[in-house]
Amino acid sequence: MADTLQQLLDSPPARAVITRLGVPEATPLRRYEPGQPLLDGPALVGGGGRLRAAAERILADAGAEIRDAEAGGQGALVFDASDLASPADLRRLYEFFHPVLRRLRPSGRVVVLGAPPEGGAAVAQRALEGFVRSLAKELRRGATAQLVRVAEGAEDDLDATLRFVLSARSAYVDAQTVCVGPGESTAPDDWERPLAGRVAVVTGASRGIGAAIAETLARDGAEVVCLDVPVQGAALARVANDVGGSALQLDVTAVDAADSLRSHLLERHGGVDVVVHNAGITRDRTLARMSEAEWDVLMAVNLAAPQRLTEALLEGDALRAGGRVVCVSSMSGIAGNRGQVNYAASKAGIIGLVQALAPVLAPTRTINAVAPGFIETEMTAAMPFFTREAGRRMNSLAQGGRPVDVAETIAWMASPASGGVNGNVVRVCGQNLLGA
């Protein structure tokens, strides 16, 4: 979708007044293309905790150049803060980042590796969140910052997560805290196709974000079952054909939907490895003006269906060992939004579903959620001009995201190497100025 304000800012007459007005500028983001290197420049690694060796191994395996001394033009700055245990220790963050931040390349990556905020180190480890969130707001030119907490014993489960947050796949993910715990992770034979040999089902796959998810999972090697309501049958068939998958016309709110999906997956594929609950609708209206039907139908599609379908796949053993469930929540479910009490409630409920099922599925299976912010879709294109342009600017990257940004995050969660990523809710919002 055209970014009208940015086009105006790029015109010669506007350049002279941009700085004076303080208008945020959008730097084109480096997004993933098959075969591209992990980083656009070397990685500078610092810190002395238990995670540094794992980080250096992962970078080396991915073909990245590693430096342990100051040099210009870094593609990434990685600091192991897992051993910081007191307020005084936090000065090491300043000592590492202060001299080198200005040398970070466009779309560069800052990653702080930490530990769960527990015991005597809780104060220092909790402080890392404030540090990363604030630092992300200071970065420019499309650079991002993330905090990755790694539990004791989960060092070998870090690969997929560190590769994701360092790569161009995480272009619109900024200032997030990802928790990695012990799990059953399996490194793929080919990191370019980590889902090879796996079966994935994507609901709401006929267009927009759902179609991008299907395309991305197929690109990563999955056999994709594209699911949507019968009225979207023609569009659904086109997406399925484009990704080399199959189409399943099914209303997820139907009484027999759960049994139908389970039977289909077992009979046609012998089960499923990845389930993406993307189907969703909006029925925006203030609560005082909202009808019972507008409340009920939204809850049925957005919240009741994902819960019922997931439970059915678990009870029928259709979700195989090593399975991944990924749900699509929303920034609205975190920060709220006027005129969306039904939608926000459903998306907050999705977060509750993730939190409730994560310990049940562990350690052999996982469930996580993504929470998109302003993503450029047909729906956002129909917004009033000023509302749309404001939505694009209200994040640290000063632009809207793309459906593929949501899809890339889901693909990371779906990876067999992401067994330690369980119970996480990751925002895909460019560090939206609203919400935690």
Protein backbone atom coordinates (compact mmCIF):
# COMPACT_ATOMS: atom_id res chain seq x y z
CA MET A 1 0.00 0.00 0.00
CA ALA A 2 1.30 3.48 -0.87
CA ASP A 3 2.71 5.45 2.07
CA THR A 4 1.37 8.84 0.98
CA LEU A 5 3.03 10.91 3.68
CA GLN A 6 6.43 9.36 3.05
CA GLN A 7 6.08 10.07 -0.67
CA LEU A 8 5.47 13.72 0.16
CA LEU A 9 8.44 13.81 2.52
CA ASP A 10 10.66 12.38 -0.21
CA SER A 11 9.83 15.24 -2.59
CA PRO A 12 12.54 17.94 -2.96
CA PRO A 13 10.48 20.84 -1.52
CA ALA A 14 9.77 18.89 1.68
CA ARG A 15 13.32 17.86 2.55
CA ALA A 16 14.29 21.24 3.99
CA VAL A 17 11.54 21.29 6.60
CA ILE A 18 11.48 17.66 7.76
CA THR A 19 14.05 18.06 10.52
CA ARG A 20 12.55 21.32 11.78
CA LEU A 21 9.06 19.83 12.01
CA GLY A 22 10.25 16.60 13.60
CA VAL A 23 8.25 14.44 11.21
CA PRO A 24 9.29 10.78 11.56
CA GLU A 25 10.84 9.29 8.44
CA ALA A 26 10.47 5.69 7.35
CA THR A 27 13.66 3.90 6.34
CA PRO A 28 13.06 1.03 3.90
CA LEU A 29 13.47 -2.14 5.94
CA ARG A 30 15.73 -5.02 4.98
CA ARG A 31 13.39 -7.97 4.53
CA TYR A 32 14.27 -11.59 3.99
CA GLU A 33 14.99 -12.98 0.56
CA PRO A 34 16.00 -16.63 0.05
CA GLY A 35 19.75 -17.06 0.08
CA GLN A 36 20.63 -13.72 1.65
CA PRO A 37 23.21 -13.68 4.49
CA LEU A 38 22.03 -13.54 8.08
CA LEU A 39 23.51 -10.06 8.62
CA ASP A 40 24.41 -7.09 6.47
CA GLY A 41 27.79 -6.70 8.14
CA PRO A 42 29.81 -8.26 10.96
CA ALA A 43 28.51 -8.94 14.45
CA LEU A 44 30.17 -7.43 17.51
CA VAL A 45 29.73 -9.76 20.50
CA GLY A 46 30.25 -8.76 24.13
CA GLY A 47 29.47 -9.84 27.66
CA GLY A 48 30.76 -12.77 29.65
CA GLY A 49 27.78 -14.85 30.74
CA ARG A 50 26.83 -18.45 30.01
CA LEU A 51 25.21 -17.56 26.66
CA ARG A 52 28.12 -15.97 24.84
CA ALA A 53 29.59 -19.24 23.60
CA ALA A 54 26.18 -20.36 22.30
CA ALA A 55 25.67 -17.01 20.55
CA GLU A 56 29.07 -17.16 18.87
CA ARG A 57 28.45 -20.75 17.77
CA ILE A 58 25.09 -19.84 16.23
CA LEU A 59 26.55 -16.83 14.42
CA ALA A 60 29.43 -18.92 13.08
CA ASP A 61 27.09 -21.70 11.94
CA ALA A 62 25.02 -19.08 10.09
CA GLY A 63 28.10 -17.79 8.29
CA ALA A 64 28.25 -14.43 10.08
CA GLU A 65 31.53 -12.63 10.67
CA ILE A 66 32.18 -12.20 14.40
CA ARG A 67 34.22 -9.47 16.01
CA ASP A 68 35.07 -8.98 19.66
CA ALA A 69 36.61 -5.53 19.31
CA GLU A 70 35.33 -2.16 18.13
CA ALA A 71 35.14 -1.68 14.38
CA GLY A 72 33.01 0.34 12.01
CA GLY A 73 29.86 -0.78 10.23
CA GLN A 74 28.39 -3.52 12.40
CA GLY A 75 25.40 -5.48 11.19
CA ALA A 76 24.58 -6.55 14.75
CA LEU A 77 25.50 -5.89 18.36
CA VAL A 78 25.00 -8.89 20.62
CA PHE A 79 25.57 -8.61 24.38
CA ASP A 80 25.36 -11.49 26.83
CA ALA A 81 23.88 -9.98 29.99
CA SER A 82 22.88 -13.30 31.54
CA ASP A 83 25.42 -12.88 34.36
CA LEU A 84 24.35 -9.38 35.44
CA ALA A 85 23.25 -9.74 39.04
CA SER A 86 23.25 -6.27 40.63
CA PRO A 87 22.45 -2.66 39.74
CA ALA A 88 26.18 -1.97 39.55
CA ASP A 89 26.54 -4.68 36.90
CA LEU A 90 24.18 -2.79 34.59
CA ARG A 91 26.96 -0.31 33.83
CA ARG A 92 28.40 -2.97 31.55
CA LEU A 93 25.51 -2.32 29.17
CA TYR A 94 26.61 1.30 28.88
CA GLU A 95 30.26 0.34 28.48
CA PHE A 96 29.53 -2.05 25.61
CA PHE A 97 26.91 -0.14 23.63
CA HIS A 98 27.93 3.49 24.14
CA PRO A 99 31.03 3.47 21.90
CA VAL A 100 29.53 1.48 19.02
CA LEU A 101 25.83 2.32 18.61
CA ARG A 102 26.45 5.02 16.02
CA ARG A 103 28.27 2.51 13.84
CA LEU A 104 25.26 0.20 13.51
CA ARG A 105 24.28 -0.22 9.87
CA PRO A 106 20.78 0.45 8.46
CA SER A 107 18.38 -2.31 9.52
CA GLY A 108 21.01 -3.39 12.04
CA ARG A 109 20.21 -5.60 14.99
CA VAL A 110 20.75 -5.17 18.72
CA VAL A 111 20.19 -8.29 20.81
CA VAL A 112 20.57 -8.50 24.58
CA LEU A 113 20.70 -12.03 25.99
CA GLY A 114 19.42 -12.32 29.53
CA ALA A 115 18.17 -14.76 32.14
CA PRO A 116 14.74 -15.09 33.77
CA PRO A 117 14.37 -12.35 36.45
CA GLU A 118 14.51 -14.66 39.44
CA GLY A 119 16.31 -14.88 42.78
CA GLY A 120 19.11 -12.50 43.64
CA ALA A 121 19.54 -11.37 40.03
CA ALA A 122 15.87 -10.42 39.58
CA VAL A 123 16.47 -6.67 39.89
CA ALA A 124 19.23 -6.49 37.29
CA GLN A 125 17.58 -8.92 34.89
CA ARG A 126 14.24 -7.13 35.05
CA ALA A 127 16.05 -3.86 34.31
CA LEU A 128 17.06 -5.25 30.92
CA GLU A 129 13.49 -4.82 29.65
CA GLY A 130 13.48 -1.09 30.29
CA PHE A 131 16.92 -0.78 28.74
CA VAL A 132 15.98 -2.60 25.53
CA ARG A 133 12.62 -0.88 25.09
CA SER A 134 14.18 2.56 25.48
CA LEU A 135 17.19 1.76 23.33
CA ALA A 136 14.89 0.57 20.55
CA LYS A 137 13.29 4.03 20.49
CA GLU A 138 16.72 5.64 20.07
CA LEU A 139 17.79 3.52 17.12
CA ARG A 140 17.41 4.88 13.59
CA ARG A 141 17.49 3.74 9.97
CA GLY A 142 15.37 0.64 10.48
CA ALA A 143 17.47 -0.88 13.26
CA THR A 144 15.75 -2.92 15.98
CA ALA A 145 16.51 -4.17 19.50
CA GLN A 146 15.30 -7.32 21.25
CA LEU A 147 15.72 -9.02 24.62
CA VAL A 148 15.99 -12.81 24.64
CA ARG A 149 15.72 -14.47 28.04
CA VAL A 150 17.19 -17.96 28.16
CA ALA A 151 16.53 -20.29 31.10
CA GLU A 152 19.21 -22.51 32.58
CA GLY A 153 19.51 -25.63 30.48
CA ALA A 154 17.98 -24.02 27.39
CA GLU A 155 21.21 -22.89 25.76
CA ASP A 156 20.82 -25.50 23.02
CA ASP A 157 17.29 -24.23 22.26
CA LEU A 158 18.47 -20.74 21.33
CA ASP A 159 19.37 -21.31 17.66
CA ALA A 160 16.07 -20.58 15.91
CA THR A 161 15.29 -17.55 18.06
CA LEU A 162 18.67 -15.89 17.72
CA ARG A 163 18.71 -16.49 13.98
CA PHE A 164 15.23 -14.95 13.72
CA VAL A 165 15.85 -11.77 15.70
CA LEU A 166 19.15 -11.15 13.93
CA SER A 167 17.83 -11.79 10.43
CA ALA A 168 15.76 -9.75 8.01
CA ARG A 169 12.82 -12.03 8.82
CA SER A 170 12.24 -9.93 11.96
CA ALA A 171 12.12 -6.62 10.07
CA TYR A 172 8.97 -5.30 11.82
CA VAL A 173 9.53 -6.94 15.22
CA ASP A 174 11.04 -4.42 17.63
CA ALA A 175 11.61 -4.07 21.39
CA GLN A 176 10.26 -7.51 22.18
CA THR A 177 11.10 -9.88 25.03
CA VAL A 178 11.27 -13.51 23.96
CA CYS A 179 11.56 -16.24 26.57
CA VAL A 180 13.36 -19.46 25.67
CA GLY A 181 13.08 -22.45 27.99
CA PRO A 182 14.13 -26.07 27.82
CA GLY A 183 12.25 -27.85 25.07
CA GLU A 184 12.57 -30.45 22.38
CA SER A 185 14.21 -28.58 19.53
CA THR A 186 15.42 -30.20 16.34
CA ALA A 187 17.80 -28.33 14.07
CA PRO A 188 16.68 -28.60 10.44
CA ASP A 189 18.91 -30.10 7.79
CA ASP A 190 18.47 -26.90 5.81
CA TRP A 191 17.82 -23.61 7.62
CA GLU A 192 16.39 -22.21 4.37
CA ARG A 193 13.65 -24.88 4.49
CA PRO A 194 13.14 -25.68 8.18
CA LEU A 195 9.58 -26.97 7.67
CA ALA A 196 10.43 -29.57 5.03
CA GLY A 197 8.36 -32.72 5.54
CA ARG A 198 5.89 -31.04 7.88
CA VAL A 199 2.15 -30.45 7.39
CA ALA A 200 0.64 -27.08 8.30
CA VAL A 201 -2.95 -25.86 8.37
CA VAL A 202 -3.72 -22.14 8.15
CA THR A 203 -7.22 -20.82 8.85
CA GLY A 204 -8.43 -17.70 7.07
CA ALA A 205 -5.92 -18.41 4.30
CA SER A 206 -7.76 -16.97 1.30
CA ARG A 207 -6.33 -13.45 1.45
CA GLY A 208 -4.27 -10.87 3.33
CA ILE A 209 -2.22 -12.06 6.27
CA GLY A 210 -3.57 -15.61 5.96
CA ALA A 211 -2.39 -15.91 2.36
CA ALA A 212 1.03 -14.52 3.33
CA ILE A 213 1.29 -17.10 6.12
CA ALA A 214 0.48 -19.93 3.70
CA GLU A 215 3.05 -18.64 1.20
CA THR A 216 5.78 -18.28 3.82
CA LEU A 217 5.24 -21.70 5.39
CA ALA A 218 5.26 -23.27 1.92
CA ARG A 219 8.46 -21.40 1.05
CA ASP A 220 9.99 -22.90 4.20
CA GLY A 221 9.09 -26.38 3.01
CA ALA A 222 5.71 -27.15 4.59
CA GLU A 223 2.80 -28.85 2.86
CA VAL A 224 0.05 -26.32 3.57
CA VAL A 225 -3.65 -27.01 4.03
CA CYS A 226 -5.34 -23.68 3.29
CA LEU A 227 -8.65 -23.34 5.15
CA ASP A 228 -11.41 -20.75 4.82
CA VAL A 229 -15.18 -20.43 4.60
CA PRO A 230 -16.93 -21.75 1.46
CA VAL A 231 -17.84 -18.25 0.26
CA GLN A 232 -14.10 -17.62 -0.17
CA GLY A 233 -13.67 -20.84 -2.14
CA ALA A 234 -12.36 -19.34 -5.39
CA ALA A 235 -9.77 -17.15 -3.67
CA LEU A 236 -8.83 -20.02 -1.37
CA ALA A 237 -8.20 -22.33 -4.33
CA ARG A 238 -5.94 -19.73 -5.94
CA VAL A 239 -3.82 -19.43 -2.79
CA ALA A 240 -3.62 -23.21 -2.39
CA ASN A 241 -2.53 -23.61 -6.02
CA ASP A 242 0.05 -20.84 -5.70
CA VAL A 243 1.69 -22.51 -2.68
CA GLY A 244 1.40 -26.06 -3.95
CA GLY A 245 -0.92 -27.00 -1.11
CA SER A 246 -4.55 -28.03 -0.77
CA ALA A 247 -7.77 -26.14 -0.05
CA LEU A 248 -10.27 -27.04 2.66
CA GLN A 249 -13.56 -25.14 2.68
CA LEU A 250 -14.80 -25.10 6.26
CA ASP A 251 -16.69 -22.72 8.52
CA VAL A 252 -14.71 -22.87 11.78
CA THR A 253 -17.84 -21.91 13.75
CA ALA A 254 -19.87 -24.88 12.50
CA VAL A 255 -20.94 -27.42 15.11
CA ASP A 256 -18.99 -30.21 13.40
CA ALA A 257 -15.99 -28.07 12.37
CA ALA A 258 -13.59 -29.54 14.92
CA ASP A 259 -14.44 -33.14 14.04
CA SER A 260 -14.30 -32.38 10.32
CA LEU A 261 -10.87 -30.78 10.55
CA ARG A 262 -9.44 -33.54 12.72
CA SER A 263 -10.78 -36.25 10.41
CA HIS A 264 -9.50 -34.48 7.31
CA LEU A 265 -5.99 -34.07 8.70
CA LEU A 266 -5.77 -37.65 9.95
CA GLU A 267 -7.20 -39.24 6.81
CA ARG A 268 -5.35 -37.12 4.24
CA HIS A 269 -2.08 -36.40 6.03
CA GLY A 270 -1.82 -38.74 9.01
CA GLY A 271 -1.92 -35.73 11.33
CA VAL A 272 -0.62 -32.18 11.42
CA ASP A 273 2.58 -30.51 12.64
CA VAL A 274 1.69 -26.80 12.53
CA VAL A 275 -1.68 -25.20 13.27
CA VAL A 276 -2.07 -21.47 12.62
CA HIS A 277 -5.26 -19.88 13.95
CA ASN A 278 -5.44 -16.81 11.74
CA ALA A 279 -9.16 -16.60 10.84
CA GLY A 280 -10.76 -13.53 12.35
CA ILE A 281 -13.37 -10.85 11.76
CA THR A 282 -14.19 -7.37 13.07
CA ARG A 283 -17.57 -5.96 14.02
CA ASP A 284 -16.51 -2.52 15.24
CA ARG A 285 -19.01 -0.49 17.21
CA THR A 286 -19.09 1.14 20.63
CA LEU A 287 -20.53 -1.18 23.26
CA ALA A 288 -23.68 0.90 23.78
CA ARG A 289 -24.51 0.56 20.08
CA MET A 290 -23.36 -3.03 19.58
CA SER A 291 -25.92 -5.71 18.81
CA GLU A 292 -25.94 -9.19 20.35
CA ALA A 293 -25.23 -10.66 16.92
CA GLU A 294 -22.15 -8.46 16.45
CA TRP A 295 -20.81 -9.66 19.79
CA ASP A 296 -21.67 -13.33 19.32
CA VAL A 297 -20.42 -13.91 15.79
CA LEU A 298 -17.08 -12.26 16.49
CA MET A 299 -16.49 -14.30 19.64
CA ALA A 300 -17.42 -17.47 17.79
CA VAL A 301 -14.88 -16.88 15.01
CA ASN A 302 -12.04 -15.16 16.84
CA LEU A 303 -11.91 -17.01 20.16
CA ALA A 304 -14.26 -19.97 20.56
CA ALA A 305 -13.16 -21.60 17.29
CA PRO A 306 -9.39 -21.57 18.00
CA GLN A 307 -10.00 -23.03 21.45
CA ARG A 308 -12.36 -25.72 20.24
CA LEU A 309 -10.25 -26.71 17.22
CA THR A 310 -7.06 -26.92 19.26
CA GLU A 311 -8.68 -29.05 21.93
CA ALA A 312 -10.10 -31.40 19.29
CA LEU A 313 -6.72 -31.84 17.60
CA LEU A 314 -5.12 -32.59 20.95
CA GLU A 315 -7.80 -35.03 22.10
CA GLY A 316 -7.67 -36.91 18.80
CA ASP A 317 -3.87 -37.02 18.70
CA ALA A 318 -3.98 -35.25 15.34
CA LEU A 319 -1.33 -32.75 16.48
CA ARG A 320 1.82 -34.80 16.27
CA ALA A 321 4.78 -34.80 18.66
CA GLY A 322 6.84 -31.71 18.01
CA GLY A 323 3.67 -29.92 16.93
CA ARG A 324 3.35 -26.15 16.93
CA VAL A 325 0.20 -24.10 17.52
CA VAL A 326 0.42 -20.41 16.62
CA CYS A 327 -2.44 -17.99 17.25
CA VAL A 328 -2.96 -14.51 15.84
CA SER A 329 -3.81 -12.03 18.58
CA SER A 330 -3.66 -8.24 18.13
CA MET A 331 -2.30 -5.05 19.65
CA SER A 332 -5.96 -4.29 20.35
CA GLY A 333 -6.00 -7.21 22.77
CA ILE A 334 -3.04 -5.68 24.63
CA ALA A 335 -3.76 -1.94 24.58
CA GLY A 336 -7.50 -1.85 23.84
CA ASN A 337 -9.15 0.24 21.17
CA ARG A 338 -12.27 2.39 21.15
CA GLY A 339 -15.13 0.73 19.33
CA GLN A 340 -13.51 -2.70 19.59
CA VAL A 341 -14.53 -4.07 22.98
CA ASN A 342 -15.61 -7.34 21.35
CA TYR A 343 -12.50 -7.62 19.17
CA ALA A 344 -10.11 -6.63 21.97
CA ALA A 345 -11.73 -9.10 24.35
CA SER A 346 -11.37 -11.91 21.81
CA LYS A 347 -7.73 -11.12 21.12
CA ALA A 348 -6.91 -10.84 24.83
CA GLY A 349 -8.66 -14.17 25.23
CA ILE A 350 -6.28 -15.65 22.63
CA ILE A 351 -3.39 -14.62 24.88
CA GLY A 352 -5.15 -16.39 27.74
CA LEU A 353 -5.47 -19.52 25.60
CA VAL A 354 -1.73 -19.47 24.91
CA GLN A 355 -0.87 -19.02 28.57
CA ALA A 356 -3.25 -21.78 29.66
CA LEU A 357 -2.14 -24.38 27.11
CA ALA A 358 1.62 -23.74 27.09
CA PRO A 359 2.36 -25.80 30.23
CA VAL A 360 -0.05 -28.51 29.06
CA LEU A 361 1.69 -28.92 25.71
CA ALA A 362 5.25 -28.77 27.06
CA PRO A 363 7.75 -30.23 26.53
CA THR A 364 6.92 -32.00 23.26
CA ARG A 365 4.66 -29.35 21.69
CA THR A 366 4.31 -25.58 21.88
CA ILE A 367 1.77 -22.78 21.56
CA ASN A 368 2.56 -19.11 20.98
CA ALA A 369 0.89 -16.01 19.58
CA VAL A 370 1.74 -13.03 17.42
CA ALA A 371 0.10 -9.66 18.05
CA PRO A 372 0.18 -7.53 14.88
CA GLY A 373 0.06 -3.76 15.00
CA PHE A 374 -0.56 -1.60 11.92
CA ILE A 375 -0.20 -3.99 8.99
CA GLU A 376 -0.80 -2.80 5.43
CA THR A 377 -3.88 -4.73 4.25
CA GLU A 378 -7.09 -4.05 2.35
CA MET A 379 -8.70 -3.14 5.67
CA THR A 380 -6.12 -0.48 6.57
CA ALA A 381 -6.18 0.85 3.01
CA ALA A 382 -9.86 1.67 3.49
CA MET A 383 -9.22 3.77 6.60
CA PRO A 384 -9.64 7.56 6.47
CA PHE A 385 -6.42 9.24 5.26
CA PHE A 386 -5.33 10.89 8.52
CA THR A 387 -6.20 7.85 10.63
CA ARG A 388 -4.19 5.62 8.31
CA GLU A 389 -1.16 7.93 8.20
CA ALA A 390 -1.18 8.31 12.00
CA GLY A 391 -1.33 4.55 12.40
CA ARG A 392 1.74 4.20 10.20
CA ARG A 393 3.75 6.70 12.26
CA MET A 394 2.87 5.54 15.78
CA ASN A 395 5.79 3.16 16.12
CA SER A 396 9.56 3.38 16.36
CA LEU A 397 10.05 2.34 12.72
CA ALA A 398 7.64 5.09 11.54
CA GLN A 399 5.84 2.89 9.01
CA GLY A 400 3.26 0.18 8.62
CA GLY A 401 4.22 -3.46 8.51
CA ARG A 402 3.46 -5.96 5.77
CA PRO A 403 1.55 -9.25 5.97
CA VAL A 404 4.83 -11.08 5.38
CA ASP A 405 6.19 -9.62 8.64
CA VAL A 406 3.49 -11.46 10.56
CA ALA A 407 4.07 -14.58 8.47
CA GLU A 408 7.83 -14.62 9.11
CA THR A 409 7.25 -14.44 12.86
CA ILE A 410 4.81 -17.33 12.68
CA ALA A 411 7.26 -19.36 10.60
CA TRP A 412 9.91 -18.91 13.31
CA MET A 413 7.48 -20.11 15.99
CA ALA A 414 6.50 -23.05 13.76
CA SER A 415 10.07 -24.23 13.27
CA PRO A 416 11.11 -27.60 14.72
CA ALA A 417 14.11 -25.72 16.15
CA SER A 418 11.79 -23.50 18.25
CA GLY A 419 10.96 -26.14 20.86
CA GLY A 420 12.09 -23.81 23.64
CA VAL A 421 9.72 -21.03 22.52
CA ASN A 422 6.46 -21.74 24.36
CA GLY A 423 3.85 -19.43 25.84
CA ASN A 424 5.22 -16.30 24.18
CA VAL A 425 3.19 -13.42 22.76
CA VAL A 426 5.33 -11.44 20.32
CA ARG A 427 4.17 -8.12 18.92
CA VAL A 428 4.74 -7.47 15.21
CA CYS A 429 4.24 -3.75 15.41
CA GLY A 430 7.51 -1.88 14.88
CA GLN A 431 7.40 -1.03 18.61
CA ASN A 432 3.95 0.49 18.64
CA LEU A 433 3.74 3.45 21.00
CA LEU A 434 0.72 1.89 22.74
CA GLY A 435 0.73 -1.26 24.84
CA ALA A 436 3.36 -3.01 26.91
